[in-house]
Amino acid sequence: MLPVERSCEVSGSQALLHFQVEADLFWFQGHFPTLTILPGVAQLDWVMHYATTLLTPGQVFSALENIKFQQPVPPGSHLQLELEWNESTSRISFRYLLLRDGERLTASSGKILLC
């Protein structure tokens, strides 16, 4: 259920990942039959997976904060995921950028409280 990971860079409390979002991903099944897009819950699932794997081992989800979905993510998209862990506030900040035709559009962003 994860995207195809093209690259991953981790530096201290930050991670930068690039994905290819394949059209055959489970997440696309039945999510708007006339306009297939990546559900927000999939984006949050990926944030939690990569955050707890790369930056915050042992941490678990507590609450969502300031979540914004700004651009739909269609099948076949190239995405960049930026993660930043703030240990003092126990929050992971994230931002997905949709990379399309030389543009970098914010697809979604927010913060997740971990414990």
PDB file of N, CA and C in Angstrom:
ATOM      1  N   MET A   1       0.800  -1.191   0.000  1.00  0.00           N
ATOM      2  CA  MET A   1       0.000   0.000   0.000  1.00  0.00           C
ATOM      3  C   MET A   1       0.853   1.271   0.000  1.00  0.00           C
ATOM      4  N   LEU A   2       2.163   1.108  -0.066  1.00  0.00           N
ATOM      5  CA  LEU A   2       3.066   2.257  -0.104  1.00  0.00           C
ATOM      6  C   LEU A   2       3.377   2.637  -1.553  1.00  0.00           C
ATOM      7  N   PRO A   3       3.742   3.893  -1.776  1.00  0.00           N
ATOM      8  CA  PRO A   3       4.130   4.307  -3.130  1.00  0.00           C
ATOM      9  C   PRO A   3       5.503   3.747  -3.486  1.00  0.00           C
ATOM     10  N   VAL A   4       5.883   3.885  -4.737  1.00  0.00           N
ATOM     11  CA  VAL A   4       7.219   3.503  -5.166  1.00  0.00           C
ATOM     12  C   VAL A   4       8.169   4.612  -4.723  1.00  0.00           C
ATOM     13  N   GLU A   5       9.110   4.248  -3.877  1.00  0.00           N
ATOM     14  CA  GLU A   5      10.064   5.215  -3.338  1.00  0.00           C
ATOM     15  C   GLU A   5      11.206   5.405  -4.332  1.00  0.00           C
ATOM     16  N   ARG A   6      11.384   6.636  -4.795  1.00  0.00           N
ATOM     17  CA  ARG A   6      12.445   6.950  -5.760  1.00  0.00           C
ATOM     18  C   ARG A   6      13.731   7.387  -5.069  1.00  0.00           C
ATOM     19  N   SER A   7      13.596   8.111  -3.958  1.00  0.00           N
ATOM     20  CA  SER A   7      14.772   8.521  -3.199  1.00  0.00           C
ATOM     21  C   SER A   7      14.359   8.852  -1.778  1.00  0.00           C
ATOM     22  N   CYS A   8      15.348   8.787  -0.886  1.00  0.00           N
ATOM     23  CA  CYS A   8      15.107   9.080   0.527  1.00  0.00           C
ATOM     24  C   CYS A   8      16.389   9.646   1.121  1.00  0.00           C
ATOM     25  N   GLU A   9      16.264  10.840   1.717  1.00  0.00           N
ATOM     26  CA  GLU A   9      17.391  11.478   2.397  1.00  0.00           C
ATOM     27  C   GLU A   9      16.965  11.795   3.818  1.00  0.00           C
ATOM     28  N   VAL A  10      17.785  11.394   4.780  1.00  0.00           N
ATOM     29  CA  VAL A  10      17.502  11.690   6.181  1.00  0.00           C
ATOM     30  C   VAL A  10      18.685  12.461   6.735  1.00  0.00           C
ATOM     31  N   SER A  11      18.366  13.576   7.404  1.00  0.00           N
ATOM     32  CA  SER A  11      19.398  14.387   8.019  1.00  0.00           C
ATOM     33  C   SER A  11      18.876  14.871   9.366  1.00  0.00           C
ATOM     34  N   GLY A  12      19.384  14.276  10.436  1.00  0.00           N
ATOM     35  CA  GLY A  12      18.948  14.663  11.777  1.00  0.00           C
ATOM     36  C   GLY A  12      17.468  14.432  11.973  1.00  0.00           C
ATOM     37  N   SER A  13      16.722  15.510  12.170  1.00  0.00           N
ATOM     38  CA  SER A  13      15.286  15.418  12.437  1.00  0.00           C
ATOM     39  C   SER A  13      14.439  15.662  11.194  1.00  0.00           C
ATOM     40  N   GLN A  14      15.072  15.588  10.015  1.00  0.00           N
ATOM     41  CA  GLN A  14      14.341  15.835   8.774  1.00  0.00           C
ATOM     42  C   GLN A  14      14.531  14.691   7.786  1.00  0.00           C
ATOM     43  N   ALA A  15      13.489  14.502   6.958  1.00  0.00           N
ATOM     44  CA  ALA A  15      13.578  13.506   5.889  1.00  0.00           C
ATOM     45  C   ALA A  15      12.936  14.092   4.637  1.00  0.00           C
ATOM     46  N   LEU A  16      13.481  13.730   3.500  1.00  0.00           N
ATOM     47  CA  LEU A  16      12.968  14.159   2.203  1.00  0.00           C
ATOM     48  C   LEU A  16      12.865  12.917   1.325  1.00  0.00           C
ATOM     49  N   LEU A  17      11.645  12.642   0.851  1.00  0.00           N
ATOM     50  CA  LEU A  17      11.408  11.459   0.038  1.00  0.00           C
ATOM     51  C   LEU A  17      10.751  11.859  -1.275  1.00  0.00           C
ATOM     52  N   HIS A  18      11.049  11.088  -2.322  1.00  0.00           N
ATOM     53  CA  HIS A  18      10.395  11.265  -3.612  1.00  0.00           C
ATOM     54  C   HIS A  18       9.700   9.961  -3.966  1.00  0.00           C
ATOM     55  N   PHE A  19       8.451  10.081  -4.420  1.00  0.00           N
ATOM     56  CA  PHE A  19       7.620   8.924  -4.732  1.00  0.00           C
ATOM     57  C   PHE A  19       7.079   8.988  -6.148  1.00  0.00           C
ATOM     58  N   GLN A  20       6.840   7.804  -6.693  1.00  0.00           N
ATOM     59  CA  GLN A  20       6.008   7.624  -7.870  1.00  0.00           C
ATOM     60  C   GLN A  20       4.728   6.977  -7.354  1.00  0.00           C
ATOM     61  N   VAL A  21       3.603   7.612  -7.602  1.00  0.00           N
ATOM     62  CA  VAL A  21       2.318   7.119  -7.104  1.00  0.00           C
ATOM     63  C   VAL A  21       1.657   6.328  -8.231  1.00  0.00           C
ATOM     64  N   GLU A  22       1.864   5.028  -8.234  1.00  0.00           N
ATOM     65  CA  GLU A  22       1.378   4.153  -9.297  1.00  0.00           C
ATOM     66  C   GLU A  22      -0.147   4.068  -9.304  1.00  0.00           C
ATOM     67  N   ALA A  23      -0.707   3.960 -10.482  1.00  0.00           N
ATOM     68  CA  ALA A  23      -2.159   3.924 -10.658  1.00  0.00           C
ATOM     69  C   ALA A  23      -2.799   2.670 -10.073  1.00  0.00           C
ATOM     70  N   ASP A  24      -2.035   1.598  -9.890  1.00  0.00           N
ATOM     71  CA  ASP A  24      -2.620   0.346  -9.396  1.00  0.00           C
ATOM     72  C   ASP A  24      -2.590   0.218  -7.868  1.00  0.00           C
ATOM     73  N   LEU A  25      -2.252   1.285  -7.162  1.00  0.00           N
ATOM     74  CA  LEU A  25      -2.252   1.240  -5.701  1.00  0.00           C
ATOM     75  C   LEU A  25      -3.656   0.963  -5.161  1.00  0.00           C
ATOM     76  N   PHE A  26      -3.716   0.186  -4.100  1.00  0.00           N
ATOM     77  CA  PHE A  26      -4.971  -0.135  -3.426  1.00  0.00           C
ATOM     78  C   PHE A  26      -5.789   1.117  -3.120  1.00  0.00           C
ATOM     79  N   TRP A  27      -5.125   2.184  -2.725  1.00  0.00           N
ATOM     80  CA  TRP A  27      -5.800   3.398  -2.269  1.00  0.00           C
ATOM     81  C   TRP A  27      -6.702   4.028  -3.327  1.00  0.00           C
ATOM     82  N   PHE A  28      -6.402   3.794  -4.598  1.00  0.00           N
ATOM     83  CA  PHE A  28      -7.197   4.394  -5.661  1.00  0.00           C
ATOM     84  C   PHE A  28      -8.503   3.652  -5.937  1.00  0.00           C
ATOM     85  N   GLN A  29      -8.618   2.422  -5.475  1.00  0.00           N
ATOM     86  CA  GLN A  29      -9.793   1.617  -5.765  1.00  0.00           C
ATOM     87  C   GLN A  29     -11.041   2.230  -5.144  1.00  0.00           C
ATOM     88  N   GLY A  30     -11.967   2.634  -6.002  1.00  0.00           N
ATOM     89  CA  GLY A  30     -13.251   3.139  -5.529  1.00  0.00           C
ATOM     90  C   GLY A  30     -13.232   4.541  -4.962  1.00  0.00           C
ATOM     91  N   HIS A  31     -12.078   5.207  -5.011  1.00  0.00           N
ATOM     92  CA  HIS A  31     -12.037   6.567  -4.479  1.00  0.00           C
ATOM     93  C   HIS A  31     -12.334   7.537  -5.605  1.00  0.00           C
ATOM     94  N   PHE A  32     -13.600   7.816  -5.744  1.00  0.00           N
ATOM     95  CA  PHE A  32     -14.161   8.675  -6.783  1.00  0.00           C
ATOM     96  C   PHE A  32     -13.997   8.044  -8.172  1.00  0.00           C
ATOM     97  N   PRO A  33     -14.915   7.178  -8.535  1.00  0.00           N
ATOM     98  CA  PRO A  33     -14.820   6.463  -9.814  1.00  0.00           C
ATOM     99  C   PRO A  33     -14.690   7.369 -11.039  1.00  0.00           C
ATOM    100  N   THR A  34     -15.269   8.563 -11.019  1.00  0.00           N
ATOM    101  CA  THR A  34     -15.179   9.442 -12.191  1.00  0.00           C
ATOM    102  C   THR A  34     -13.959  10.361 -12.156  1.00  0.00           C
ATOM    103  N   LEU A  35     -13.328  10.518 -11.021  1.00  0.00           N
ATOM    104  CA  LEU A  35     -12.126  11.343 -10.889  1.00  0.00           C
ATOM    105  C   LEU A  35     -11.261  10.720  -9.794  1.00  0.00           C
ATOM    106  N   THR A  36     -10.442   9.770 -10.184  1.00  0.00           N
ATOM    107  CA  THR A  36      -9.632   9.027  -9.225  1.00  0.00           C
ATOM    108  C   THR A  36      -8.548   9.924  -8.631  1.00  0.00           C
ATOM    109  N   ILE A  37      -8.514  10.007  -7.284  1.00  0.00           N
ATOM    110  CA  ILE A  37      -7.464  10.762  -6.593  1.00  0.00           C
ATOM    111  C   ILE A  37      -7.006   9.978  -5.369  1.00  0.00           C
ATOM    112  N   LEU A  38      -5.821  10.304  -4.897  1.00  0.00           N
ATOM    113  CA  LEU A  38      -5.261   9.669  -3.710  1.00  0.00           C
ATOM    114  C   LEU A  38      -5.971  10.208  -2.470  1.00  0.00           C
ATOM    115  N   PRO A  39      -6.586   9.340  -1.670  1.00  0.00           N
ATOM    116  CA  PRO A  39      -7.292   9.817  -0.478  1.00  0.00           C
ATOM    117  C   PRO A  39      -6.337  10.437   0.549  1.00  0.00           C
ATOM    118  N   GLY A  40      -6.857  11.387   1.298  1.00  0.00           N
ATOM    119  CA  GLY A  40      -6.084  12.013   2.366  1.00  0.00           C
ATOM    120  C   GLY A  40      -5.620  11.015   3.405  1.00  0.00           C
ATOM    121  N   VAL A  41      -6.431  10.003   3.675  1.00  0.00           N
ATOM    122  CA  VAL A  41      -6.058   8.994   4.670  1.00  0.00           C
ATOM    123  C   VAL A  41      -4.817   8.229   4.218  1.00  0.00           C
ATOM    124  N   ALA A  42      -4.640   8.047   2.913  1.00  0.00           N
ATOM    125  CA  ALA A  42      -3.438   7.386   2.401  1.00  0.00           C
ATOM    126  C   ALA A  42      -2.215   8.266   2.643  1.00  0.00           C
ATOM    127  N   GLN A  43      -2.369   9.553   2.383  1.00  0.00           N
ATOM    128  CA  GLN A  43      -1.259  10.476   2.605  1.00  0.00           C
ATOM    129  C   GLN A  43      -0.841  10.485   4.073  1.00  0.00           C
ATOM    130  N   LEU A  44      -1.806  10.484   4.967  1.00  0.00           N
ATOM    131  CA  LEU A  44      -1.502  10.461   6.403  1.00  0.00           C
ATOM    132  C   LEU A  44      -0.869   9.136   6.810  1.00  0.00           C
ATOM    133  N   ASP A  45      -1.341   8.040   6.231  1.00  0.00           N
ATOM    134  CA  ASP A  45      -0.759   6.727   6.512  1.00  0.00           C
ATOM    135  C   ASP A  45       0.716   6.706   6.126  1.00  0.00           C
ATOM    136  N   TRP A  46       1.038   7.279   4.968  1.00  0.00           N
ATOM    137  CA  TRP A  46       2.427   7.314   4.522  1.00  0.00           C
ATOM    138  C   TRP A  46       3.274   8.207   5.420  1.00  0.00           C
ATOM    139  N   VAL A  47       2.730   9.330   5.851  1.00  0.00           N
ATOM    140  CA  VAL A  47       3.466  10.198   6.787  1.00  0.00           C
ATOM    141  C   VAL A  47       3.822   9.412   8.040  1.00  0.00           C
ATOM    142  N   MET A  48       2.830   8.737   8.608  1.00  0.00           N
ATOM    143  CA  MET A  48       3.086   7.974   9.831  1.00  0.00           C
ATOM    144  C   MET A  48       4.099   6.853   9.591  1.00  0.00           C
ATOM    145  N   HIS A  49       3.968   6.162   8.485  1.00  0.00           N
ATOM    146  CA  HIS A  49       4.909   5.074   8.185  1.00  0.00           C
ATOM    147  C   HIS A  49       6.345   5.600   8.106  1.00  0.00           C
ATOM    148  N   TYR A  50       6.558   6.609   7.281  1.00  0.00           N
ATOM    149  CA  TYR A  50       7.926   7.100   7.084  1.00  0.00           C
ATOM    150  C   TYR A  50       8.446   7.867   8.299  1.00  0.00           C
ATOM    151  N   ALA A  51       7.593   8.598   8.986  1.00  0.00           N
ATOM    152  CA  ALA A  51       8.034   9.320  10.185  1.00  0.00           C
ATOM    153  C   ALA A  51       8.493   8.348  11.262  1.00  0.00           C
ATOM    154  N   THR A  52       7.683   7.328  11.524  1.00  0.00           N
ATOM    155  CA  THR A  52       8.038   6.399  12.607  1.00  0.00           C
ATOM    156  C   THR A  52       9.145   5.429  12.197  1.00  0.00           C
ATOM    157  N   THR A  53       9.336   5.230  10.917  1.00  0.00           N
ATOM    158  CA  THR A  53      10.430   4.381  10.446  1.00  0.00           C
ATOM    159  C   THR A  53      11.753   5.134  10.429  1.00  0.00           C
ATOM    160  N   LEU A  54      11.729   6.375   9.954  1.00  0.00           N
ATOM    161  CA  LEU A  54      12.972   7.120   9.733  1.00  0.00           C
ATOM    162  C   LEU A  54      13.370   8.071  10.856  1.00  0.00           C
ATOM    163  N   LEU A  55      12.374   8.670  11.529  1.00  0.00           N
ATOM    164  CA  LEU A  55      12.685   9.756  12.462  1.00  0.00           C
ATOM    165  C   LEU A  55      12.273   9.506  13.905  1.00  0.00           C
ATOM    166  N   THR A  56      11.210   8.785  14.124  1.00  0.00           N
ATOM    167  CA  THR A  56      10.641   8.686  15.477  1.00  0.00           C
ATOM    168  C   THR A  56      10.307   7.252  15.868  1.00  0.00           C
ATOM    169  N   PRO A  57      11.256   6.342  15.810  1.00  0.00           N
ATOM    170  CA  PRO A  57      10.947   4.948  16.180  1.00  0.00           C
ATOM    171  C   PRO A  57      10.341   4.870  17.583  1.00  0.00           C
ATOM    172  N   GLY A  58       9.313   4.060  17.717  1.00  0.00           N
ATOM    173  CA  GLY A  58       8.673   3.878  19.018  1.00  0.00           C
ATOM    174  C   GLY A  58       7.541   4.851  19.289  1.00  0.00           C
ATOM    175  N   GLN A  59       7.430   5.917  18.500  1.00  0.00           N
ATOM    176  CA  GLN A  59       6.346   6.891  18.677  1.00  0.00           C
ATOM    177  C   GLN A  59       5.082   6.384  17.979  1.00  0.00           C
ATOM    178  N   VAL A  60       3.937   6.793  18.492  1.00  0.00           N
ATOM    179  CA  VAL A  60       2.658   6.415  17.895  1.00  0.00           C
ATOM    180  C   VAL A  60       1.783   7.658  17.737  1.00  0.00           C
ATOM    181  N   PHE A  61       0.775   7.525  16.904  1.00  0.00           N
ATOM    182  CA  PHE A  61      -0.163   8.606  16.622  1.00  0.00           C
ATOM    183  C   PHE A  61      -0.916   9.036  17.881  1.00  0.00           C
ATOM    184  N   SER A  62      -1.131  10.344  18.031  1.00  0.00           N
ATOM    185  CA  SER A  62      -1.941  10.877  19.120  1.00  0.00           C
ATOM    186  C   SER A  62      -3.059  11.769  18.588  1.00  0.00           C
ATOM    187  N   ALA A  63      -2.740  12.732  17.688  1.00  0.00           N
ATOM    188  CA  ALA A  63      -3.763  13.659  17.188  1.00  0.00           C
ATOM    189  C   ALA A  63      -3.291  14.328  15.898  1.00  0.00           C
ATOM    190  N   LEU A  64      -4.268  14.772  15.099  1.00  0.00           N
ATOM    191  CA  LEU A  64      -3.984  15.553  13.895  1.00  0.00           C
ATOM    192  C   LEU A  64      -4.118  17.026  14.215  1.00  0.00           C
ATOM    193  N   GLU A  65      -3.267  17.842  13.601  1.00  0.00           N
ATOM    194  CA  GLU A  65      -3.341  19.289  13.782  1.00  0.00           C
ATOM    195  C   GLU A  65      -3.084  19.977  12.445  1.00  0.00           C
ATOM    196  N   ASN A  66      -3.842  21.007  12.149  1.00  0.00           N
ATOM    197  CA  ASN A  66      -3.586  21.879  10.994  1.00  0.00           C
ATOM    198  C   ASN A  66      -3.439  21.133   9.669  1.00  0.00           C
ATOM    199  N   ILE A  67      -4.296  20.187   9.395  1.00  0.00           N
ATOM    200  CA  ILE A  67      -4.216  19.429   8.147  1.00  0.00           C
ATOM    201  C   ILE A  67      -4.913  20.210   7.035  1.00  0.00           C
ATOM    202  N   LYS A  68      -4.217  20.359   5.906  1.00  0.00           N
ATOM    203  CA  LYS A  68      -4.790  21.043   4.742  1.00  0.00           C
ATOM    204  C   LYS A  68      -4.532  20.188   3.506  1.00  0.00           C
ATOM    205  N   PHE A  69      -5.584  19.931   2.752  1.00  0.00           N
ATOM    206  CA  PHE A  69      -5.457  19.237   1.473  1.00  0.00           C
ATOM    207  C   PHE A  69      -5.753  20.269   0.393  1.00  0.00           C
ATOM    208  N   GLN A  70      -4.752  20.600  -0.402  1.00  0.00           N
ATOM    209  CA  GLN A  70      -4.853  21.724  -1.324  1.00  0.00           C
ATOM    210  C   GLN A  70      -4.927  21.338  -2.799  1.00  0.00           C
ATOM    211  N   GLN A  71      -4.283  20.250  -3.172  1.00  0.00           N
ATOM    212  CA  GLN A  71      -4.268  19.808  -4.567  1.00  0.00           C
ATOM    213  C   GLN A  71      -4.563  18.312  -4.607  1.00  0.00           C
ATOM    214  N   PRO A  72      -5.454  17.882  -5.497  1.00  0.00           N
ATOM    215  CA  PRO A  72      -5.677  16.447  -5.640  1.00  0.00           C
ATOM    216  C   PRO A  72      -4.442  15.761  -6.227  1.00  0.00           C
ATOM    217  N   VAL A  73      -4.224  14.524  -5.814  1.00  0.00           N
ATOM    218  CA  VAL A  73      -3.085  13.740  -6.298  1.00  0.00           C
ATOM    219  C   VAL A  73      -3.631  12.621  -7.178  1.00  0.00           C
ATOM    220  N   PRO A  74      -3.510  12.758  -8.498  1.00  0.00           N
ATOM    221  CA  PRO A  74      -4.023  11.730  -9.399  1.00  0.00           C
ATOM    222  C   PRO A  74      -3.050  10.551  -9.531  1.00  0.00           C
ATOM    223  N   PRO A  75      -3.544   9.419 -10.038  1.00  0.00           N
ATOM    224  CA  PRO A  75      -2.658   8.281 -10.291  1.00  0.00           C
ATOM    225  C   PRO A  75      -1.525   8.676 -11.239  1.00  0.00           C
ATOM    226  N   GLY A  76      -0.349   8.103 -11.003  1.00  0.00           N
ATOM    227  CA  GLY A  76       0.807   8.386 -11.845  1.00  0.00           C
ATOM    228  C   GLY A  76       1.592   9.609 -11.438  1.00  0.00           C
ATOM    229  N   SER A  77       1.214  10.243 -10.345  1.00  0.00           N
ATOM    230  CA  SER A  77       1.877  11.473  -9.899  1.00  0.00           C
ATOM    231  C   SER A  77       3.264  11.217  -9.325  1.00  0.00           C
ATOM    232  N   HIS A  78       4.075  12.254  -9.393  1.00  0.00           N
ATOM    233  CA  HIS A  78       5.362  12.285  -8.696  1.00  0.00           C
ATOM    234  C   HIS A  78       5.147  13.183  -7.480  1.00  0.00           C
ATOM    235  N   LEU A  79       5.481  12.671  -6.297  1.00  0.00           N
ATOM    236  CA  LEU A  79       5.307  13.416  -5.049  1.00  0.00           C
ATOM    237  C   LEU A  79       6.626  13.541  -4.317  1.00  0.00           C
ATOM    238  N   GLN A  80       6.776  14.658  -3.644  1.00  0.00           N
ATOM    239  CA  GLN A  80       7.882  14.852  -2.711  1.00  0.00           C
ATOM    240  C   GLN A  80       7.262  14.979  -1.327  1.00  0.00           C
ATOM    241  N   LEU A  81       7.791  14.257  -0.364  1.00  0.00           N
ATOM    242  CA  LEU A  81       7.320  14.334   1.023  1.00  0.00           C
ATOM    243  C   LEU A  81       8.442  14.899   1.881  1.00  0.00           C
ATOM    244  N   GLU A  82       8.126  15.994   2.573  1.00  0.00           N
ATOM    245  CA  GLU A  82       9.068  16.607   3.511  1.00  0.00           C
ATOM    246  C   GLU A  82       8.555  16.337   4.920  1.00  0.00           C
ATOM    247  N   LEU A  83       9.400  15.784   5.754  1.00  0.00           N
ATOM    248  CA  LEU A  83       9.058  15.495   7.146  1.00  0.00           C
ATOM    249  C   LEU A  83      10.030  16.219   8.058  1.00  0.00           C
ATOM    250  N   GLU A  84       9.503  16.742   9.168  1.00  0.00           N
ATOM    251  CA  GLU A  84      10.370  17.356  10.176  1.00  0.00           C
ATOM    252  C   GLU A  84       9.841  17.010  11.559  1.00  0.00           C
ATOM    253  N   TRP A  85      10.696  16.418  12.383  1.00  0.00           N
ATOM    254  CA  TRP A  85      10.350  16.004  13.735  1.00  0.00           C
ATOM    255  C   TRP A  85      10.797  17.080  14.717  1.00  0.00           C
ATOM    256  N   ASN A  86       9.863  17.536  15.558  1.00  0.00           N
ATOM    257  CA  ASN A  86      10.178  18.483  16.625  1.00  0.00           C
ATOM    258  C   ASN A  86      10.025  17.732  17.939  1.00  0.00           C
ATOM    259  N   GLU A  87      11.130  17.299  18.486  1.00  0.00           N
ATOM    260  CA  GLU A  87      11.101  16.472  19.701  1.00  0.00           C
ATOM    261  C   GLU A  87      10.515  17.223  20.897  1.00  0.00           C
ATOM    262  N   SER A  88      10.767  18.522  20.989  1.00  0.00           N
ATOM    263  CA  SER A  88      10.298  19.280  22.157  1.00  0.00           C
ATOM    264  C   SER A  88       8.772  19.401  22.195  1.00  0.00           C
ATOM    265  N   THR A  89       8.120  19.366  21.027  1.00  0.00           N
ATOM    266  CA  THR A  89       6.651  19.452  20.999  1.00  0.00           C
ATOM    267  C   THR A  89       5.999  18.114  20.645  1.00  0.00           C
ATOM    268  N   SER A  90       6.808  17.106  20.351  1.00  0.00           N
ATOM    269  CA  SER A  90       6.333  15.771  19.934  1.00  0.00           C
ATOM    270  C   SER A  90       5.447  15.842  18.694  1.00  0.00           C
ATOM    271  N   ARG A  91       5.830  16.701  17.754  1.00  0.00           N
ATOM    272  CA  ARG A  91       5.052  16.870  16.526  1.00  0.00           C
ATOM    273  C   ARG A  91       5.906  16.583  15.297  1.00  0.00           C
ATOM    274  N   ILE A  92       5.271  15.919  14.356  1.00  0.00           N
ATOM    275  CA  ILE A  92       5.877  15.729  13.054  1.00  0.00           C
ATOM    276  C   ILE A  92       5.152  16.657  12.088  1.00  0.00           C
ATOM    277  N   SER A  93       5.891  17.520  11.426  1.00  0.00           N
ATOM    278  CA  SER A  93       5.328  18.393  10.392  1.00  0.00           C
ATOM    279  C   SER A  93       5.581  17.723   9.048  1.00  0.00           C
ATOM    280  N   PHE A  94       4.612  17.840   8.153  1.00  0.00           N
ATOM    281  CA  PHE A  94       4.787  17.251   6.836  1.00  0.00           C
ATOM    282  C   PHE A  94       4.263  18.183   5.754  1.00  0.00           C
ATOM    283  N   ARG A  95       4.800  17.970   4.559  1.00  0.00           N
ATOM    284  CA  ARG A  95       4.308  18.670   3.377  1.00  0.00           C
ATOM    285  C   ARG A  95       4.547  17.766   2.178  1.00  0.00           C
ATOM    286  N   TYR A  96       3.481  17.549   1.405  1.00  0.00           N
ATOM    287  CA  TYR A  96       3.578  16.844   0.134  1.00  0.00           C
ATOM    288  C   TYR A  96       3.590  17.871  -0.986  1.00  0.00           C
ATOM    289  N   LEU A  97       4.536  17.738  -1.884  1.00  0.00           N
ATOM    290  CA  LEU A  97       4.593  18.582  -3.070  1.00  0.00           C
ATOM    291  C   LEU A  97       4.305  17.714  -4.282  1.00  0.00           C
ATOM    292  N   LEU A  98       3.392  18.171  -5.097  1.00  0.00           N
ATOM    293  CA  LEU A  98       3.068  17.517  -6.356  1.00  0.00           C
ATOM    294  C   LEU A  98       4.011  18.090  -7.406  1.00  0.00           C
ATOM    295  N   LEU A  99       4.840  17.243  -7.987  1.00  0.00           N
ATOM    296  CA  LEU A  99       5.831  17.675  -8.966  1.00  0.00           C
ATOM    297  C   LEU A  99       5.251  17.417 -10.352  1.00  0.00           C
ATOM    298  N   ARG A 100       4.938  18.508 -11.048  1.00  0.00           N
ATOM    299  CA  ARG A 100       4.228  18.364 -12.328  1.00  0.00           C
ATOM    300  C   ARG A 100       4.644  19.487 -13.278  1.00  0.00           C
ATOM    301  N   ASP A 101       5.123  19.111 -14.448  1.00  0.00           N
ATOM    302  CA  ASP A 101       5.469  20.075 -15.497  1.00  0.00           C
ATOM    303  C   ASP A 101       6.392  21.184 -14.985  1.00  0.00           C
ATOM    304  N   GLY A 102       7.393  20.813 -14.209  1.00  0.00           N
ATOM    305  CA  GLY A 102       8.331  21.787 -13.686  1.00  0.00           C
ATOM    306  C   GLY A 102       7.819  22.591 -12.506  1.00  0.00           C
ATOM    307  N   GLU A 103       6.571  22.346 -12.099  1.00  0.00           N
ATOM    308  CA  GLU A 103       5.987  23.050 -10.951  1.00  0.00           C
ATOM    309  C   GLU A 103       6.082  22.182  -9.699  1.00  0.00           C
ATOM    310  N   ARG A 104       6.053  22.846  -8.562  1.00  0.00           N
ATOM    311  CA  ARG A 104       6.023  22.187  -7.258  1.00  0.00           C
ATOM    312  C   ARG A 104       4.827  22.757  -6.507  1.00  0.00           C
ATOM    313  N   LEU A 105       3.710  22.050  -6.571  1.00  0.00           N
ATOM    314  CA  LEU A 105       2.474  22.510  -5.946  1.00  0.00           C
ATOM    315  C   LEU A 105       2.263  21.792  -4.623  1.00  0.00           C
ATOM    316  N   THR A 106       1.919  22.536  -3.583  1.00  0.00           N
ATOM    317  CA  THR A 106       1.634  21.892  -2.303  1.00  0.00           C
ATOM    318  C   THR A 106       0.329  21.108  -2.423  1.00  0.00           C
ATOM    319  N   ALA A 107       0.431  19.800  -2.246  1.00  0.00           N
ATOM    320  CA  ALA A 107      -0.747  18.938  -2.301  1.00  0.00           C
ATOM    321  C   ALA A 107      -1.418  18.877  -0.936  1.00  0.00           C
ATOM    322  N   SER A 108      -0.618  18.747   0.127  1.00  0.00           N
ATOM    323  CA  SER A 108      -1.170  18.725   1.483  1.00  0.00           C
ATOM    324  C   SER A 108      -0.062  19.044   2.473  1.00  0.00           C
ATOM    325  N   SER A 109      -0.486  19.422   3.683  1.00  0.00           N
ATOM    326  CA  SER A 109       0.483  19.734   4.738  1.00  0.00           C
ATOM    327  C   SER A 109      -0.231  19.652   6.082  1.00  0.00           C
ATOM    328  N   GLY A 110       0.568  19.578   7.115  1.00  0.00           N
ATOM    329  CA  GLY A 110      -0.012  19.552   8.445  1.00  0.00           C
ATOM    330  C   GLY A 110       0.977  19.107   9.500  1.00  0.00           C
ATOM    331  N   LYS A 111       0.426  18.881  10.691  1.00  0.00           N
ATOM    332  CA  LYS A 111       1.213  18.419  11.824  1.00  0.00           C
ATOM    333  C   LYS A 111       0.473  17.275  12.492  1.00  0.00           C
ATOM    334  N   ILE A 112       1.249  16.337  13.007  1.00  0.00           N
ATOM    335  CA  ILE A 112       0.685  15.193  13.722  1.00  0.00           C
ATOM    336  C   ILE A 112       1.385  15.104  15.066  1.00  0.00           C
ATOM    337  N   LEU A 113       0.598  15.078  16.105  1.00  0.00           N
ATOM    338  CA  LEU A 113       1.120  14.907  17.464  1.00  0.00           C
ATOM    339  C   LEU A 113       1.358  13.433  17.713  1.00  0.00           C
ATOM    340  N   LEU A 114       2.543  13.112  18.183  1.00  0.00           N
ATOM    341  CA  LEU A 114       2.913  11.728  18.494  1.00  0.00           C
ATOM    342  C   LEU A 114       3.128  11.585  19.994  1.00  0.00           C
ATOM    343  N   CYS A 115       3.098  10.352  20.441  1.00  0.00           N
ATOM    344  CA  CYS A 115       3.394  10.105  21.860  1.00  0.00           C
ATOM    345  C   CYS A 115       4.150   8.793  22.002  1.00  0.00           C
TER     346      CYS A 115
END
